Protein backbone atom coordinates (compact mmCIF):
# COMPACT_ATOMS: atom_id res chain seq x y z
CA MET A 1 -61.37 105.80 164.01
CA LYS A 2 -64.33 105.75 161.62
CA ARG A 3 -62.02 104.64 158.81
CA LEU A 4 -60.64 101.84 161.03
CA ILE A 5 -64.16 100.68 161.91
CA ALA A 6 -65.12 100.75 158.22
CA VAL A 7 -62.07 98.66 157.30
CA LEU A 8 -62.86 96.17 160.08
CA LEU A 9 -66.46 95.87 158.93
CA ILE A 10 -65.40 95.34 155.33
CA THR A 11 -62.84 92.73 156.41
CA LEU A 12 -65.38 90.88 158.57
CA SER A 13 -67.94 90.97 155.77
CA PHE A 14 -65.40 89.60 153.29
CA ASN A 15 -64.38 86.83 155.70
CA ALA A 16 -68.02 85.90 156.31
CA PHE A 17 -68.63 85.85 152.54
CA ALA A 18 -65.58 83.64 151.98
CA GLN A 19 -66.68 81.24 154.73
CA ASN A 20 -70.19 81.06 153.28
CA LYS A 21 -68.75 80.33 149.82
CA ALA A 22 -66.54 77.61 151.30
CA LYS A 23 -69.46 76.10 153.19
CA SER A 24 -71.66 76.19 150.10
CA LEU A 25 -68.99 74.43 148.02
CA LEU A 26 -68.44 71.74 150.68
CA ASN A 27 -72.19 71.19 150.90
CA GLU A 28 -72.31 70.65 147.14
CA VAL A 29 -69.51 68.08 147.41
CA SER A 30 -71.27 66.33 150.31
CA VAL A 31 -74.58 66.10 148.44
CA LYS A 32 -72.80 64.76 145.34
CA VAL A 33 -70.88 62.10 147.29
CA LYS A 34 -73.96 60.91 149.16
CA SER A 35 -75.89 60.54 145.91
CA TYR A 36 -73.60 57.68 144.80
CA ASP A 37 -74.32 54.06 145.73
CA ASN A 38 -70.60 53.28 145.65
CA ILE A 39 -67.31 54.96 144.71
CA SER A 40 -64.11 53.44 143.30
CA LEU A 41 -60.85 55.42 143.38
CA ASP A 42 -57.32 54.90 142.11
CA PHE A 43 -54.99 57.31 143.85
CA LYS A 44 -51.41 58.38 144.52
CA TYR A 45 -50.32 58.80 148.13
CA THR A 46 -47.28 60.92 149.05
CA LEU A 47 -45.73 61.41 152.49
CA GLU A 48 -43.10 64.12 152.89
CA ASN A 49 -41.14 65.68 155.74
CA ILE A 50 -38.41 68.02 154.48
CA SER A 51 -36.68 68.46 157.86
CA GLU A 52 -36.39 64.67 158.23
CA ASN A 53 -35.42 64.22 154.56
CA ILE A 54 -38.34 61.84 154.02
CA LYS A 55 -40.35 61.46 150.83
CA GLN A 56 -42.35 58.35 150.03
CA GLU A 57 -44.77 57.77 147.16
CA THR A 58 -47.09 54.88 146.51
CA LYS A 59 -50.27 54.08 144.63
CA GLY A 60 -53.43 52.47 145.86
CA ASP A 61 -57.06 51.82 145.13
CA VAL A 62 -60.21 51.72 147.20
CA VAL A 63 -63.87 50.81 146.79
CA MET A 64 -66.34 52.42 149.21
CA GLN A 65 -70.01 51.81 149.87
CA GLY A 66 -71.44 53.62 152.87
CA ASP A 67 -69.12 52.88 155.80
CA LYS A 68 -67.73 49.77 154.13
CA TYR A 69 -64.52 49.81 152.15
CA ARG A 70 -61.84 47.65 150.56
CA LEU A 71 -58.46 49.41 150.38
CA ASN A 72 -55.28 48.13 148.71
CA ILE A 73 -52.06 49.97 149.53
CA LEU A 74 -48.42 49.04 150.25
CA GLY A 75 -49.15 45.35 149.67
CA VAL A 76 -51.84 45.25 152.34
CA THR A 77 -55.60 44.89 151.86
CA ARG A 78 -57.70 46.64 154.48
CA LEU A 79 -61.26 45.34 154.51
CA PHE A 80 -63.92 46.99 156.66
CA ASP A 81 -67.38 45.40 156.65
CA GLY A 82 -69.01 48.11 158.74
CA LYS A 83 -68.13 46.53 162.10
CA THR A 84 -64.77 44.79 161.84
CA LEU A 85 -61.51 45.80 160.19
CA TYR A 86 -59.36 43.11 158.56
CA SER A 87 -55.80 43.97 157.54
CA ILE A 88 -54.50 41.26 155.20
CA SER A 89 -50.77 41.05 154.42
CA ALA A 90 -49.90 38.50 151.74
CA GLU A 91 -46.16 39.07 152.27
CA ASP A 92 -46.34 38.30 155.99
CA GLU A 93 -49.18 35.77 155.59
CA GLU A 94 -50.98 37.49 158.44
CA VAL A 95 -54.48 38.81 159.07
CA THR A 96 -54.98 41.39 161.81
CA ILE A 97 -58.57 41.68 163.04
CA SER A 98 -59.87 44.57 165.11
CA SER A 99 -63.02 46.50 165.84
CA ASP A 100 -63.23 49.89 164.17
CA ASN A 101 -61.57 52.42 166.47
CA ASP A 102 -60.52 55.05 163.93
CA ASP A 103 -62.74 57.65 165.60
CA GLU A 104 -60.28 57.70 168.49
CA ASN A 105 -57.64 59.50 166.44
CA ASP A 106 -57.17 61.95 163.59
CA ALA A 107 -56.98 59.28 160.91
CA ILE A 108 -58.85 60.10 157.73
CA THR A 109 -59.96 56.61 156.78
CA PRO A 110 -61.39 55.65 153.38
CA SER A 111 -64.92 55.72 154.78
CA LYS A 112 -64.31 59.25 156.05
CA MET A 113 -62.22 60.50 153.15
CA LEU A 114 -65.05 62.11 151.23
CA SER A 115 -67.00 63.40 154.24
CA PHE A 116 -64.55 63.96 157.12
CA TYR A 117 -64.81 67.76 156.76
CA GLU A 118 -68.47 67.85 157.82
CA ASP A 119 -67.60 68.00 161.52
CA GLY A 120 -64.76 69.37 163.62
CA TYR A 121 -63.27 71.94 161.25
CA THR A 122 -63.44 75.62 160.42
CA TYR A 123 -63.01 76.38 156.74
CA GLU A 124 -62.24 79.13 154.28
CA LEU A 125 -61.66 79.43 150.56
CA ASP A 126 -58.02 79.16 149.51
CA ILE A 127 -56.28 79.37 146.12
CA THR A 128 -57.63 78.22 142.76
CA GLN A 129 -55.34 76.28 140.42
CA ASN A 130 -55.62 75.17 136.82
CA ILE A 131 -54.42 71.55 136.76
CA LYS A 132 -54.38 69.85 133.36
CA GLY A 133 -57.25 72.02 132.17
CA ARG A 134 -59.30 71.48 135.32
CA LYS A 135 -60.16 74.32 137.68
CA ILE A 136 -59.37 73.13 141.20
CA GLN A 137 -60.73 75.25 144.04
CA TYR A 138 -59.02 74.67 147.38
CA VAL A 139 -60.74 74.95 150.74
CA LYS A 140 -58.54 75.25 153.83
CA LEU A 141 -59.76 73.35 156.88
CA THR A 142 -58.42 73.91 160.39
CA PRO A 143 -59.29 71.53 163.26
CA ILE A 144 -61.41 73.06 166.01
CA ASP A 145 -59.74 70.76 168.55
CA SER A 146 -56.51 72.46 169.62
CA ASN A 147 -55.08 69.05 170.62
CA SER A 148 -55.42 67.66 167.12
CA GLU A 149 -52.22 66.36 165.52
CA ILE A 150 -53.38 68.00 162.28
CA LYS A 151 -52.30 71.58 161.61
CA SER A 152 -54.39 72.12 158.49
CA ILE A 153 -55.89 70.42 155.46
CA LEU A 154 -56.29 71.69 151.91
CA LEU A 155 -59.15 70.03 150.08
CA GLY A 156 -58.95 70.41 146.31
CA ILE A 157 -62.36 70.31 144.60
CA ASP A 158 -63.02 70.12 140.87
CA ALA A 159 -65.12 73.23 140.29
CA GLN A 160 -67.06 71.60 137.44
CA THR A 161 -67.80 68.09 138.75
CA LYS A 162 -67.78 68.97 142.47
CA ASN A 163 -65.72 65.83 143.11
CA ILE A 164 -62.64 65.82 145.35
CA TYR A 165 -59.41 65.97 143.33
CA ASN A 166 -56.86 65.86 146.14
CA LEU A 167 -56.31 66.24 149.86
CA ILE A 168 -53.18 67.80 151.39
CA GLN A 169 -52.80 67.28 155.13
CA VAL A 170 -50.09 69.01 157.19
CA GLY A 171 -49.37 67.70 160.67
CA LYS A 172 -48.04 69.68 163.61
CA ASN A 173 -44.75 67.85 163.10
CA ASP A 174 -44.72 69.37 159.57
CA THR A 175 -45.25 66.00 157.89
CA LYS A 176 -47.27 66.54 154.73
CA THR A 177 -49.39 63.78 153.26
CA THR A 178 -51.02 64.21 149.87
CA LEU A 179 -53.67 62.00 148.35
CA THR A 180 -54.38 62.66 144.67
CA VAL A 181 -57.27 60.97 142.88
CA ASN A 182 -56.19 59.55 139.51
CA SER A 183 -59.53 57.97 138.59
CA PHE A 184 -63.00 58.39 140.06
CA LYS A 185 -65.77 55.90 139.21
CA THR A 186 -69.23 55.61 140.69
CA ASN A 187 -72.16 53.19 140.90
CA ALA A 188 -70.29 50.21 139.45
CA PRO A 189 -71.79 46.72 139.88
CA LEU A 190 -70.08 45.18 142.93
CA SER A 191 -69.73 41.60 144.07
CA LYS A 192 -71.95 40.81 147.06
CA THR A 193 -68.88 39.44 148.86
CA LEU A 194 -66.53 42.37 148.11
CA PHE A 195 -66.62 43.59 151.72
CA THR A 196 -66.88 40.13 153.30
CA PHE A 197 -63.89 38.43 154.91
CA ASP A 198 -63.64 34.78 153.82
CA ALA A 199 -61.62 32.95 156.48
CA ASN A 200 -61.33 29.88 154.25
CA LYS A 201 -58.97 31.78 151.95
CA TYR A 202 -56.51 32.39 154.77
CA LYS A 203 -56.30 29.06 156.58
CA ASP A 204 -52.49 29.13 156.40
CA TYR A 205 -52.23 32.73 157.62
CA TYR A 206 -51.48 33.79 161.17
CA ILE A 207 -54.65 35.34 162.60
CA ASN A 208 -53.93 38.22 164.99
CA LYS A 209 -57.04 39.33 166.90
CA LEU A 210 -56.49 42.64 168.69
CA ASP A 211 -59.81 42.74 170.57
């Protein structure tokens, strides 16, 4: 019995140490991200579900400043000015306008992408990988909400720069989405109108207001 208790205590101590290490690392990432005035990313996005024989890959780019962002992916520009979200499709010649309601679901939006883990998750250190000469430390995050559609998330962090390298999200339907950062730039000079929707540019587009 004493040996069992000793093993349990050692296990609990190790788990607490691992959680503290994970929390410390995430705090470092959070402080680093919040120190930037703006962030520009080029990334690869992969969606995969083996049981459904689905695998899709695409590239995109995003510029973020506070809650504002301008995201280009799959031929659509998503522009969020802090209050209103504009989805602009050149192919369909359509602009969809809505208030920001992303907090109502599990979506990890661009404005949340580098800080979503601060609330609503438990976390622990996971594996470390050497990727192209970079040491990537993974932190496993599990939603506290049992009704979440997310099963788990692996957040890959560059151990040297403390910047996020990739994010691997697994849903309860076993769909895996992976976002890998190809380039990471900060504090670039931005146009004052980068996050502003100019209706004059889309006079010939169909305007779809959801609210």
